[in-house]
Amino acid sequence: RPLLAYGAIVLDEIIRKAPPKQVTISASGVREGLLYEQLSSAEQRL
């Protein structure tokens, strides 16, 4: 909870600087990217 306001500040400033169409939440990040990188190119295209 103490970090919520700081995360909100960064999000607000990003949107102010270059308004996107939308903000989409991704549960996939570095961990999933690391696993995805281990796959062959054919597997990645699935």
ModelCIF file with pLDDT and N, C-alpha, C, O atoms, coordinates in Angstrom:
data_MODEL
#
_entry.id   MODEL 
#
_entity.id                         1 
_entity.type                       polymer 
_entity.pdbx_number_of_molecules   1 
#
_entity_poly.entity_id                      1 
_entity_poly.type                           'polypeptide(L)' 
_entity_poly.nstd_linkage                   no 
_entity_poly.nstd_monomer                   no 
_entity_poly.pdbx_seq_one_letter_code       RPLLAYGAIVLDEIIRKAPPKQVTISASGVREGLLYEQLSSAEQRL 
_entity_poly.pdbx_seq_one_letter_code_can   RPLLAYGAIVLDEIIRKAPPKQVTISASGVREGLLYEQLSSAEQRL 
_entity_poly.pdbx_strand_id                 A 
#
loop_
_entity_poly_seq.entity_id 
_entity_poly_seq.num 
_entity_poly_seq.mon_id 
_entity_poly_seq.hetero 
1 1  ARG n 
1 2  PRO n 
1 3  LEU n 
1 4  LEU n 
1 5  ALA n 
1 6  TYR n 
1 7  GLY n 
1 8  ALA n 
1 9  ILE n 
1 10 VAL n 
1 11 LEU n 
1 12 ASP n 
1 13 GLU n 
1 14 ILE n 
1 15 ILE n 
1 16 ARG n 
1 17 LYS n 
1 18 ALA n 
1 19 PRO n 
1 20 PRO n 
1 21 LYS n 
1 22 GLN n 
1 23 VAL n 
1 24 THR n 
1 25 ILE n 
1 26 SER n 
1 27 ALA n 
1 28 SER n 
1 29 GLY n 
1 30 VAL n 
1 31 ARG n 
1 32 GLU n 
1 33 GLY n 
1 34 LEU n 
1 35 LEU n 
1 36 TYR n 
1 37 GLU n 
1 38 GLN n 
1 39 LEU n 
1 40 SER n 
1 41 SER n 
1 42 ALA n 
1 43 GLU n 
1 44 GLN n 
1 45 ARG n 
1 46 LEU n 
#
_struct_asym.id          A 
_struct_asym.entity_id   1 
#
loop_
_ma_qa_metric.id 
_ma_qa_metric.mode 
_ma_qa_metric.name 
_ma_qa_metric.software_group_id 
_ma_qa_metric.type 
1 global pLDDT . pLDDT 
2 local  pLDDT . pLDDT 
#
_ma_qa_metric_global.metric_id      1 
_ma_qa_metric_global.metric_value   96.11 
_ma_qa_metric_global.model_id       1 
_ma_qa_metric_global.ordinal_id     1 
#
loop_
_ma_qa_metric_local.label_asym_id 
_ma_qa_metric_local.label_comp_id 
_ma_qa_metric_local.label_seq_id 
_ma_qa_metric_local.metric_id 
_ma_qa_metric_local.metric_value 
_ma_qa_metric_local.model_id 
_ma_qa_metric_local.ordinal_id 
A ARG 1  2 90.00 1 1  
A PRO 2  2 91.00 1 2  
A LEU 3  2 93.00 1 3  
A LEU 4  2 95.00 1 4  
A ALA 5  2 95.00 1 5  
A TYR 6  2 96.00 1 6  
A GLY 7  2 97.00 1 7  
A ALA 8  2 97.00 1 8  
A ILE 9  2 97.00 1 9  
A VAL 10 2 98.00 1 10 
A LEU 11 2 98.00 1 11 
A ASP 12 2 97.00 1 12 
A GLU 13 2 97.00 1 13 
A ILE 14 2 97.00 1 14 
A ILE 15 2 97.00 1 15 
A ARG 16 2 95.00 1 16 
A LYS 17 2 95.00 1 17 
A ALA 18 2 94.00 1 18 
A PRO 19 2 96.00 1 19 
A PRO 20 2 97.00 1 20 
A LYS 21 2 97.00 1 21 
A GLN 22 2 98.00 1 22 
A VAL 23 2 98.00 1 23 
A THR 24 2 98.00 1 24 
A ILE 25 2 98.00 1 25 
A SER 26 2 97.00 1 26 
A ALA 27 2 95.00 1 27 
A SER 28 2 96.00 1 28 
A GLY 29 2 96.00 1 29 
A VAL 30 2 97.00 1 30 
A ARG 31 2 97.00 1 31 
A GLU 32 2 97.00 1 32 
A GLY 33 2 97.00 1 33 
A LEU 34 2 97.00 1 34 
A LEU 35 2 97.00 1 35 
A TYR 36 2 97.00 1 36 
A GLU 37 2 97.00 1 37 
A GLN 38 2 96.00 1 38 
A LEU 39 2 96.00 1 39 
A SER 40 2 95.00 1 40 
A SER 41 2 96.00 1 41 
A ALA 42 2 95.00 1 42 
A GLU 43 2 95.00 1 43 
A GLN 44 2 96.00 1 44 
A ARG 45 2 95.00 1 45 
A LEU 46 2 96.00 1 46 
#
loop_
_atom_site.group_PDB 
_atom_site.id 
_atom_site.type_symbol 
_atom_site.label_atom_id 
_atom_site.label_alt_id 
_atom_site.label_comp_id 
_atom_site.label_asym_id 
_atom_site.label_entity_id 
_atom_site.label_seq_id 
_atom_site.pdbx_PDB_ins_code 
_atom_site.Cartn_x 
_atom_site.Cartn_y 
_atom_site.Cartn_z 
_atom_site.occupancy 
_atom_site.B_iso_or_equiv 
_atom_site.pdbx_formal_charge 
_atom_site.auth_seq_id 
_atom_site.auth_comp_id 
_atom_site.auth_asym_id 
_atom_site.auth_atom_id 
_atom_site.pdbx_PDB_model_num 
ATOM 1   N N  . ARG A 1 1  ? 0.794  -1.232  0.000   1.00 90.00 ? 1  ARG A N  1 
ATOM 2   C CA . ARG A 1 1  ? 0.000  0.000   0.000   1.00 90.00 ? 1  ARG A CA 1 
ATOM 3   C C  . ARG A 1 1  ? 0.829  1.286   0.000   1.00 90.00 ? 1  ARG A C  1 
ATOM 4   O O  . ARG A 1 1  ? 0.452  2.233   -0.690  1.00 90.00 ? 1  ARG A O  1 
ATOM 5   N N  . PRO A 1 2  ? 1.947  1.364   0.746   1.00 91.00 ? 2  PRO A N  1 
ATOM 6   C CA . PRO A 1 2  ? 2.719  2.620   0.719   1.00 91.00 ? 2  PRO A CA 1 
ATOM 7   C C  . PRO A 1 2  ? 3.279  2.958   -0.660  1.00 91.00 ? 2  PRO A C  1 
ATOM 8   O O  . PRO A 1 2  ? 3.618  4.113   -0.920  1.00 91.00 ? 2  PRO A O  1 
ATOM 9   N N  . LEU A 1 3  ? 3.380  1.968   -1.547  1.00 93.00 ? 3  LEU A N  1 
ATOM 10  C CA . LEU A 1 3  ? 3.954  2.200   -2.871  1.00 93.00 ? 3  LEU A CA 1 
ATOM 11  C C  . LEU A 1 3  ? 2.916  2.625   -3.903  1.00 93.00 ? 3  LEU A C  1 
ATOM 12  O O  . LEU A 1 3  ? 3.271  3.044   -5.005  1.00 93.00 ? 3  LEU A O  1 
ATOM 13  N N  . LEU A 1 4  ? 1.623  2.520   -3.551  1.00 95.00 ? 4  LEU A N  1 
ATOM 14  C CA . LEU A 1 4  ? 0.571  2.798   -4.527  1.00 95.00 ? 4  LEU A CA 1 
ATOM 15  C C  . LEU A 1 4  ? 0.666  4.212   -5.081  1.00 95.00 ? 4  LEU A C  1 
ATOM 16  O O  . LEU A 1 4  ? 0.582  4.416   -6.292  1.00 95.00 ? 4  LEU A O  1 
ATOM 17  N N  . ALA A 1 5  ? 0.841  5.190   -4.195  1.00 95.00 ? 5  ALA A N  1 
ATOM 18  C CA . ALA A 1 5  ? 0.871  6.582   -4.640  1.00 95.00 ? 5  ALA A CA 1 
ATOM 19  C C  . ALA A 1 5  ? 2.059  6.855   -5.548  1.00 95.00 ? 5  ALA A C  1 
ATOM 20  O O  . ALA A 1 5  ? 1.950  7.639   -6.490  1.00 95.00 ? 5  ALA A O  1 
ATOM 21  N N  . TYR A 1 6  ? 3.199  6.214   -5.275  1.00 96.00 ? 6  TYR A N  1 
ATOM 22  C CA . TYR A 1 6  ? 4.388  6.425   -6.108  1.00 96.00 ? 6  TYR A CA 1 
ATOM 23  C C  . TYR A 1 6  ? 4.208  5.789   -7.492  1.00 96.00 ? 6  TYR A C  1 
ATOM 24  O O  . TYR A 1 6  ? 4.630  6.350   -8.504  1.00 96.00 ? 6  TYR A O  1 
ATOM 25  N N  . GLY A 1 7  ? 3.578  4.615   -7.517  1.00 97.00 ? 7  GLY A N  1 
ATOM 26  C CA . GLY A 1 7  ? 3.261  4.002   -8.805  1.00 97.00 ? 7  GLY A CA 1 
ATOM 27  C C  . GLY A 1 7  ? 2.271  4.842   -9.585  1.00 97.00 ? 7  GLY A C  1 
ATOM 28  O O  . GLY A 1 7  ? 2.368  4.956   -10.807 1.00 97.00 ? 7  GLY A O  1 
ATOM 29  N N  . ALA A 1 8  ? 1.308  5.437   -8.869  1.00 97.00 ? 8  ALA A N  1 
ATOM 30  C CA . ALA A 1 8  ? 0.306  6.294   -9.514  1.00 97.00 ? 8  ALA A CA 1 
ATOM 31  C C  . ALA A 1 8  ? 0.960  7.540   -10.097 1.00 97.00 ? 8  ALA A C  1 
ATOM 32  O O  . ALA A 1 8  ? 0.584  7.986   -11.180 1.00 97.00 ? 8  ALA A O  1 
ATOM 33  N N  . ILE A 1 9  ? 1.937  8.107   -9.388  1.00 97.00 ? 9  ILE A N  1 
ATOM 34  C CA . ILE A 1 9  ? 2.636  9.301   -9.879  1.00 97.00 ? 9  ILE A CA 1 
ATOM 35  C C  . ILE A 1 9  ? 3.347  9.006   -11.193 1.00 97.00 ? 9  ILE A C  1 
ATOM 36  O O  . ILE A 1 9  ? 3.248  9.783   -12.143 1.00 97.00 ? 9  ILE A O  1 
ATOM 37  N N  . VAL A 1 10 ? 4.063  7.884   -11.251 1.00 98.00 ? 10 VAL A N  1 
ATOM 38  C CA . VAL A 1 10 ? 4.798  7.539   -12.473 1.00 98.00 ? 10 VAL A CA 1 
ATOM 39  C C  . VAL A 1 10 ? 3.828  7.298   -13.628 1.00 98.00 ? 10 VAL A C  1 
ATOM 40  O O  . VAL A 1 10 ? 4.066  7.757   -14.745 1.00 98.00 ? 10 VAL A O  1 
ATOM 41  N N  . LEU A 1 11 ? 2.742  6.582   -13.363 1.00 98.00 ? 11 LEU A N  1 
ATOM 42  C CA . LEU A 1 11 ? 1.749  6.327   -14.408 1.00 98.00 ? 11 LEU A CA 1 
ATOM 43  C C  . LEU A 1 11 ? 1.146  7.628   -14.913 1.00 98.00 ? 11 LEU A C  1 
ATOM 44  O O  . LEU A 1 11 ? 1.001  7.826   -16.119 1.00 98.00 ? 11 LEU A O  1 
ATOM 45  N N  . ASP A 1 12 ? 0.797  8.505   -13.995 1.00 97.00 ? 12 ASP A N  1 
ATOM 46  C CA . ASP A 1 12 ? 0.185  9.787   -14.355 1.00 97.00 ? 12 ASP A CA 1 
ATOM 47  C C  . ASP A 1 12 ? 1.136  10.612  -15.215 1.00 97.00 ? 12 ASP A C  1 
ATOM 48  O O  . ASP A 1 12 ? 0.713  11.216  -16.202 1.00 97.00 ? 12 ASP A O  1 
ATOM 49  N N  . GLU A 1 13 ? 2.403  10.643  -14.853 1.00 97.00 ? 13 GLU A N  1 
ATOM 50  C CA . GLU A 1 13 ? 3.379  11.437  -15.605 1.00 97.00 ? 13 GLU A CA 1 
ATOM 51  C C  . GLU A 1 13 ? 3.609  10.863  -16.998 1.00 97.00 ? 13 GLU A C  1 
ATOM 52  O O  . GLU A 1 13 ? 3.780  11.621  -17.952 1.00 97.00 ? 13 GLU A O  1 
ATOM 53  N N  . ILE A 1 14 ? 3.616  9.547   -17.130 1.00 97.00 ? 14 ILE A N  1 
ATOM 54  C CA . ILE A 1 14 ? 3.779  8.934   -18.453 1.00 97.00 ? 14 ILE A CA 1 
ATOM 55  C C  . ILE A 1 14 ? 2.611  9.321   -19.356 1.00 97.00 ? 14 ILE A C  1 
ATOM 56  O O  . ILE A 1 14 ? 2.806  9.692   -20.514 1.00 97.00 ? 14 ILE A O  1 
ATOM 57  N N  . ILE A 1 15 ? 1.402  9.231   -18.817 1.00 97.00 ? 15 ILE A N  1 
ATOM 58  C CA . ILE A 1 15 ? 0.207  9.547   -19.607 1.00 97.00 ? 15 ILE A CA 1 
ATOM 59  C C  . ILE A 1 15 ? 0.192  11.021  -19.984 1.00 97.00 ? 15 ILE A C  1 
ATOM 60  O O  . ILE A 1 15 ? -0.215 11.376  -21.091 1.00 97.00 ? 15 ILE A O  1 
ATOM 61  N N  . ARG A 1 16 ? 0.630  11.878  -19.076 1.00 95.00 ? 16 ARG A N  1 
ATOM 62  C CA . ARG A 1 16 ? 0.681  13.315  -19.376 1.00 95.00 ? 16 ARG A CA 1 
ATOM 63  C C  . ARG A 1 16 ? 1.661  13.611  -20.514 1.00 95.00 ? 16 ARG A C  1 
ATOM 64  O O  . ARG A 1 16 ? 1.386  14.432  -21.389 1.00 95.00 ? 16 ARG A O  1 
ATOM 65  N N  . LYS A 1 17 ? 2.800  12.933  -20.486 1.00 95.00 ? 17 LYS A N  1 
ATOM 66  C CA . LYS A 1 17 ? 3.854  13.219  -21.458 1.00 95.00 ? 17 LYS A CA 1 
ATOM 67  C C  . LYS A 1 17 ? 3.476  12.742  -22.855 1.00 95.00 ? 17 LYS A C  1 
ATOM 68  O O  . LYS A 1 17 ? 3.734  13.437  -23.838 1.00 95.00 ? 17 LYS A O  1 
ATOM 69  N N  . ALA A 1 18 ? 2.871  11.570  -22.953 1.00 94.00 ? 18 ALA A N  1 
ATOM 70  C CA . ALA A 1 18 ? 2.523  11.005  -24.270 1.00 94.00 ? 18 ALA A CA 1 
ATOM 71  C C  . ALA A 1 18 ? 1.267  10.161  -24.109 1.00 94.00 ? 18 ALA A C  1 
ATOM 72  O O  . ALA A 1 18 ? 1.365  8.948   -23.924 1.00 94.00 ? 18 ALA A O  1 
ATOM 73  N N  . PRO A 1 19 ? 0.092  10.773  -24.176 1.00 96.00 ? 19 PRO A N  1 
ATOM 74  C CA . PRO A 1 19 ? -1.154 10.040  -23.908 1.00 96.00 ? 19 PRO A CA 1 
ATOM 75  C C  . PRO A 1 19 ? -1.325 8.815   -24.799 1.00 96.00 ? 19 PRO A C  1 
ATOM 76  O O  . PRO A 1 19 ? -1.410 8.939   -26.021 1.00 96.00 ? 19 PRO A O  1 
ATOM 77  N N  . PRO A 1 20 ? -1.377 7.644   -24.194 1.00 97.00 ? 20 PRO A N  1 
ATOM 78  C CA . PRO A 1 20 ? -1.640 6.441   -24.978 1.00 97.00 ? 20 PRO A CA 1 
ATOM 79  C C  . PRO A 1 20 ? -3.136 6.287   -25.232 1.00 97.00 ? 20 PRO A C  1 
ATOM 80  O O  . PRO A 1 20 ? -3.945 7.043   -24.693 1.00 97.00 ? 20 PRO A O  1 
ATOM 81  N N  . LYS A 1 21 ? -3.493 5.324   -26.040 1.00 97.00 ? 21 LYS A N  1 
ATOM 82  C CA . LYS A 1 21 ? -4.909 5.019   -26.255 1.00 97.00 ? 21 LYS A CA 1 
ATOM 83  C C  . LYS A 1 21 ? -5.489 4.369   -25.006 1.00 97.00 ? 21 LYS A C  1 
ATOM 84  O O  . LYS A 1 21 ? -6.617 4.659   -24.607 1.00 97.00 ? 21 LYS A O  1 
ATOM 85  N N  . GLN A 1 22 ? -4.709 3.491   -24.399 1.00 98.00 ? 22 GLN A N  1 
ATOM 86  C CA . GLN A 1 22 ? -5.183 2.742   -23.242 1.00 98.00 ? 22 GLN A CA 1 
ATOM 87  C C  . GLN A 1 22 ? -4.005 2.215   -22.447 1.00 98.00 ? 22 GLN A C  1 
ATOM 88  O O  . GLN A 1 22 ? -2.881 2.141   -22.943 1.00 98.00 ? 22 GLN A O  1 
ATOM 89  N N  . VAL A 1 23 ? -4.281 1.852   -21.211 1.00 98.00 ? 23 VAL A N  1 
ATOM 90  C CA . VAL A 1 23 ? -3.307 1.169   -20.366 1.00 98.00 ? 23 VAL A CA 1 
ATOM 91  C C  . VAL A 1 23 ? -3.782 -0.271  -20.216 1.00 98.00 ? 23 VAL A C  1 
ATOM 92  O O  . VAL A 1 23 ? -4.911 -0.516  -19.792 1.00 98.00 ? 23 VAL A O  1 
ATOM 93  N N  . THR A 1 24 ? -2.926 -1.214  -20.562 1.00 98.00 ? 24 THR A N  1 
ATOM 94  C CA . THR A 1 24 ? -3.266 -2.633  -20.493 1.00 98.00 ? 24 THR A CA 1 
ATOM 95  C C  . THR A 1 24 ? -2.344 -3.320  -19.505 1.00 98.00 ? 24 THR A C  1 
ATOM 96  O O  . THR A 1 24 ? -1.122 -3.213  -19.604 1.00 98.00 ? 24 THR A O  1 
ATOM 97  N N  . ILE A 1 25 ? -2.927 -4.019  -18.562 1.00 98.00 ? 25 ILE A N  1 
ATOM 98  C CA . ILE A 1 25 ? -2.148 -4.701  -17.530 1.00 98.00 ? 25 ILE A CA 1 
ATOM 99  C C  . ILE A 1 25 ? -1.615 -6.017  -18.071 1.00 98.00 ? 25 ILE A C  1 
ATOM 100 O O  . ILE A 1 25 ? -2.355 -6.804  -18.662 1.00 98.00 ? 25 ILE A O  1 
ATOM 101 N N  . SER A 1 26 ? -0.341 -6.245  -17.866 1.00 97.00 ? 26 SER A N  1 
ATOM 102 C CA . SER A 1 26 ? 0.283  -7.509  -18.277 1.00 97.00 ? 26 SER A CA 1 
ATOM 103 C C  . SER A 1 26 ? 0.788  -8.252  -17.046 1.00 97.00 ? 26 SER A C  1 
ATOM 104 O O  . SER A 1 26 ? 1.569  -7.723  -16.256 1.00 97.00 ? 26 SER A O  1 
ATOM 105 N N  . ALA A 1 27 ? 0.324  -9.484  -16.905 1.00 95.00 ? 27 ALA A N  1 
ATOM 106 C CA . ALA A 1 27 ? 0.848  -10.352 -15.845 1.00 95.00 ? 27 ALA A CA 1 
ATOM 107 C C  . ALA A 1 27 ? 2.118  -11.051 -16.307 1.00 95.00 ? 27 ALA A C  1 
ATOM 108 O O  . ALA A 1 27 ? 2.796  -11.709 -15.518 1.00 95.00 ? 27 ALA A O  1 
ATOM 109 N N  . SER A 1 28 ? 2.434  -10.906 -17.582 1.00 96.00 ? 28 SER A N  1 
ATOM 110 C CA . SER A 1 28 ? 3.653  -11.493 -18.141 1.00 96.00 ? 28 SER A CA 1 
ATOM 111 C C  . SER A 1 28 ? 4.733  -10.428 -18.193 1.00 96.00 ? 28 SER A C  1 
ATOM 112 O O  . SER A 1 28 ? 4.534  -9.342  -18.736 1.00 96.00 ? 28 SER A O  1 
ATOM 113 N N  . GLY A 1 29 ? 5.874  -10.757 -17.621 1.00 96.00 ? 29 GLY A N  1 
ATOM 114 C CA . GLY A 1 29 ? 6.963  -9.795  -17.588 1.00 96.00 ? 29 GLY A CA 1 
ATOM 115 C C  . GLY A 1 29 ? 8.297  -10.483 -17.754 1.00 96.00 ? 29 GLY A C  1 
ATOM 116 O O  . GLY A 1 29 ? 8.453  -11.353 -18.611 1.00 96.00 ? 29 GLY A O  1 
ATOM 117 N N  . VAL A 1 30 ? 9.260  -10.095 -16.935 1.00 97.00 ? 30 VAL A N  1 
ATOM 118 C CA . VAL A 1 30 ? 10.626 -10.606 -17.083 1.00 97.00 ? 30 VAL A CA 1 
ATOM 119 C C  . VAL A 1 30 ? 10.672 -12.122 -16.953 1.00 97.00 ? 30 VAL A C  1 
ATOM 120 O O  . VAL A 1 30 ? 11.348 -12.789 -17.736 1.00 97.00 ? 30 VAL A O  1 
ATOM 121 N N  . ARG A 1 31 ? 9.965  -12.672 -15.978 1.00 97.00 ? 31 ARG A N  1 
ATOM 122 C CA . ARG A 1 31 ? 10.019 -14.127 -15.774 1.00 97.00 ? 31 ARG A CA 1 
ATOM 123 C C  . ARG A 1 31 ? 9.534  -14.879 -17.004 1.00 97.00 ? 31 ARG A C  1 
ATOM 124 O O  . ARG A 1 31 ? 10.186 -15.806 -17.486 1.00 97.00 ? 31 ARG A O  1 
ATOM 125 N N  . GLU A 1 32 ? 8.373  -14.462 -17.503 1.00 97.00 ? 32 GLU A N  1 
ATOM 126 C CA . GLU A 1 32 ? 7.816  -15.136 -18.678 1.00 97.00 ? 32 GLU A CA 1 
ATOM 127 C C  . GLU A 1 32 ? 8.662  -14.868 -19.924 1.00 97.00 ? 32 GLU A C  1 
ATOM 128 O O  . GLU A 1 32 ? 8.784  -15.726 -20.797 1.00 97.00 ? 32 GLU A O  1 
ATOM 129 N N  . GLY A 1 33 ? 9.245  -13.664 -19.995 1.00 97.00 ? 33 GLY A N  1 
ATOM 130 C CA . GLY A 1 33 ? 10.122 -13.361 -21.122 1.00 97.00 ? 33 GLY A CA 1 
ATOM 131 C C  . GLY A 1 33 ? 11.355 -14.238 -21.141 1.00 97.00 ? 33 GLY A C  1 
ATOM 132 O O  . GLY A 1 33 ? 11.818 -14.648 -22.205 1.00 97.00 ? 33 GLY A O  1 
ATOM 133 N N  . LEU A 1 34 ? 11.882 -14.525 -19.970 1.00 97.00 ? 34 LEU A N  1 
ATOM 134 C CA . LEU A 1 34 ? 13.053 -15.398 -19.870 1.00 97.00 ? 34 LEU A CA 1 
ATOM 135 C C  . LEU A 1 34 ? 12.730 -16.802 -20.385 1.00 97.00 ? 34 LEU A C  1 
ATOM 136 O O  . LEU A 1 34 ? 13.532 -17.402 -21.101 1.00 97.00 ? 34 LEU A O  1 
ATOM 137 N N  . LEU A 1 35 ? 11.560 -17.322 -20.023 1.00 97.00 ? 35 LEU A N  1 
ATOM 138 C CA . LEU A 1 35 ? 11.158 -18.651 -20.507 1.00 97.00 ? 35 LEU A CA 1 
ATOM 139 C C  . LEU A 1 35 ? 10.889 -18.627 -22.009 1.00 97.00 ? 35 LEU A C  1 
ATOM 140 O O  . LEU A 1 35 ? 11.285 -19.540 -22.734 1.00 97.00 ? 35 LEU A O  1 
ATOM 141 N N  . TYR A 1 36 ? 10.217 -17.583 -22.466 1.00 97.00 ? 36 TYR A N  1 
ATOM 142 C CA . TYR A 1 36 ? 9.914  -17.458 -23.894 1.00 97.00 ? 36 TYR A CA 1 
ATOM 143 C C  . TYR A 1 36 ? 11.195 -17.444 -24.721 1.00 97.00 ? 36 TYR A C  1 
ATOM 144 O O  . TYR A 1 36 ? 11.238 -17.990 -25.823 1.00 97.00 ? 36 TYR A O  1 
ATOM 145 N N  . GLU A 1 37 ? 12.225 -16.824 -24.187 1.00 97.00 ? 37 GLU A N  1 
ATOM 146 C CA . GLU A 1 37 ? 13.502 -16.723 -24.893 1.00 97.00 ? 37 GLU A CA 1 
ATOM 147 C C  . GLU A 1 37 ? 14.152 -18.098 -25.078 1.00 97.00 ? 37 GLU A C  1 
ATOM 148 O O  . GLU A 1 37 ? 14.940 -18.289 -26.004 1.00 97.00 ? 37 GLU A O  1 
ATOM 149 N N  . GLN A 1 38 ? 13.828 -19.047 -24.207 1.00 96.00 ? 38 GLN A N  1 
ATOM 150 C CA . GLN A 1 38 ? 14.436 -20.384 -24.305 1.00 96.00 ? 38 GLN A CA 1 
ATOM 151 C C  . GLN A 1 38 ? 13.833 -21.222 -25.432 1.00 96.00 ? 38 GLN A C  1 
ATOM 152 O O  . GLN A 1 38 ? 14.425 -22.219 -25.846 1.00 96.00 ? 38 GLN A O  1 
ATOM 153 N N  . LEU A 1 39 ? 12.669 -20.827 -25.929 1.00 96.00 ? 39 LEU A N  1 
ATOM 154 C CA . LEU A 1 39 ? 11.991 -21.602 -26.958 1.00 96.00 ? 39 LEU A CA 1 
ATOM 155 C C  . LEU A 1 39 ? 12.653 -21.397 -28.311 1.00 96.00 ? 39 LEU A C  1 
ATOM 156 O O  . LEU A 1 39 ? 13.322 -20.390 -28.543 1.00 96.00 ? 39 LEU A O  1 
ATOM 157 N N  . SER A 1 40 ? 12.457 -22.366 -29.203 1.00 95.00 ? 40 SER A N  1 
ATOM 158 C CA . SER A 1 40 ? 12.923 -22.211 -30.578 1.00 95.00 ? 40 SER A CA 1 
ATOM 159 C C  . SER A 1 40 ? 12.060 -21.166 -31.280 1.00 95.00 ? 40 SER A C  1 
ATOM 160 O O  . SER A 1 40 ? 10.985 -20.817 -30.792 1.00 95.00 ? 40 SER A O  1 
ATOM 161 N N  . SER A 1 41 ? 12.525 -20.671 -32.411 1.00 96.00 ? 41 SER A N  1 
ATOM 162 C CA . SER A 1 41 ? 11.747 -19.675 -33.146 1.00 96.00 ? 41 SER A CA 1 
ATOM 163 C C  . SER A 1 41 ? 10.410 -20.248 -33.593 1.00 96.00 ? 41 SER A C  1 
ATOM 164 O O  . SER A 1 41 ? 9.407  -19.534 -33.615 1.00 96.00 ? 41 SER A O  1 
ATOM 165 N N  . ALA A 1 42 ? 10.382 -21.531 -33.950 1.00 95.00 ? 42 ALA A N  1 
ATOM 166 C CA . ALA A 1 42 ? 9.122  -22.163 -34.351 1.00 95.00 ? 42 ALA A CA 1 
ATOM 167 C C  . ALA A 1 42 ? 8.150  -22.226 -33.177 1.00 95.00 ? 42 ALA A C  1 
ATOM 168 O O  . ALA A 1 42 ? 6.950  -22.007 -33.343 1.00 95.00 ? 42 ALA A O  1 
ATOM 169 N N  . GLU A 1 43 ? 8.672  -22.523 -31.998 1.00 95.00 ? 43 GLU A N  1 
ATOM 170 C CA . GLU A 1 43 ? 7.823  -22.584 -30.805 1.00 95.00 ? 43 GLU A CA 1 
ATOM 171 C C  . GLU A 1 43 ? 7.322  -21.200 -30.422 1.00 95.00 ? 43 GLU A C  1 
ATOM 172 O O  . GLU A 1 43 ? 6.181  -21.051 -29.986 1.00 95.00 ? 43 GLU A O  1 
ATOM 173 N N  . GLN A 1 44 ? 8.161  -20.194 -30.581 1.00 96.00 ? 44 GLN A N  1 
ATOM 174 C CA . GLN A 1 44 ? 7.753  -18.827 -30.255 1.00 96.00 ? 44 GLN A CA 1 
ATOM 175 C C  . GLN A 1 44 ? 6.618  -18.348 -31.157 1.00 96.00 ? 44 GLN A C  1 
ATOM 176 O O  . GLN A 1 44 ? 5.794  -17.534 -30.739 1.00 96.00 ? 44 GLN A O  1 
ATOM 177 N N  . ARG A 1 45 ? 6.571  -18.845 -32.378 1.00 95.00 ? 45 ARG A N  1 
ATOM 178 C CA . ARG A 1 45 ? 5.534  -18.408 -33.322 1.00 95.00 ? 45 ARG A CA 1 
ATOM 179 C C  . ARG A 1 45 ? 4.170  -19.027 -33.034 1.00 95.00 ? 45 ARG A C  1 
ATOM 180 O O  . ARG A 1 45 ? 3.168  -18.599 -33.606 1.00 95.00 ? 45 ARG A O  1 
ATOM 181 N N  . LEU A 1 46 ? 4.119  -20.015 -32.165 1.00 96.00 ? 46 LEU A N  1 
ATOM 182 C CA . LEU A 1 46 ? 2.829  -20.623 -31.833 1.00 96.00 ? 46 LEU A CA 1 
ATOM 183 C C  . LEU A 1 46 ? 1.916  -19.606 -31.153 1.00 96.00 ? 46 LEU A C  1 
ATOM 184 O O  . LEU A 1 46 ? 0.784  -19.933 -30.798 1.00 96.00 ? 46 LEU A O  1 
#
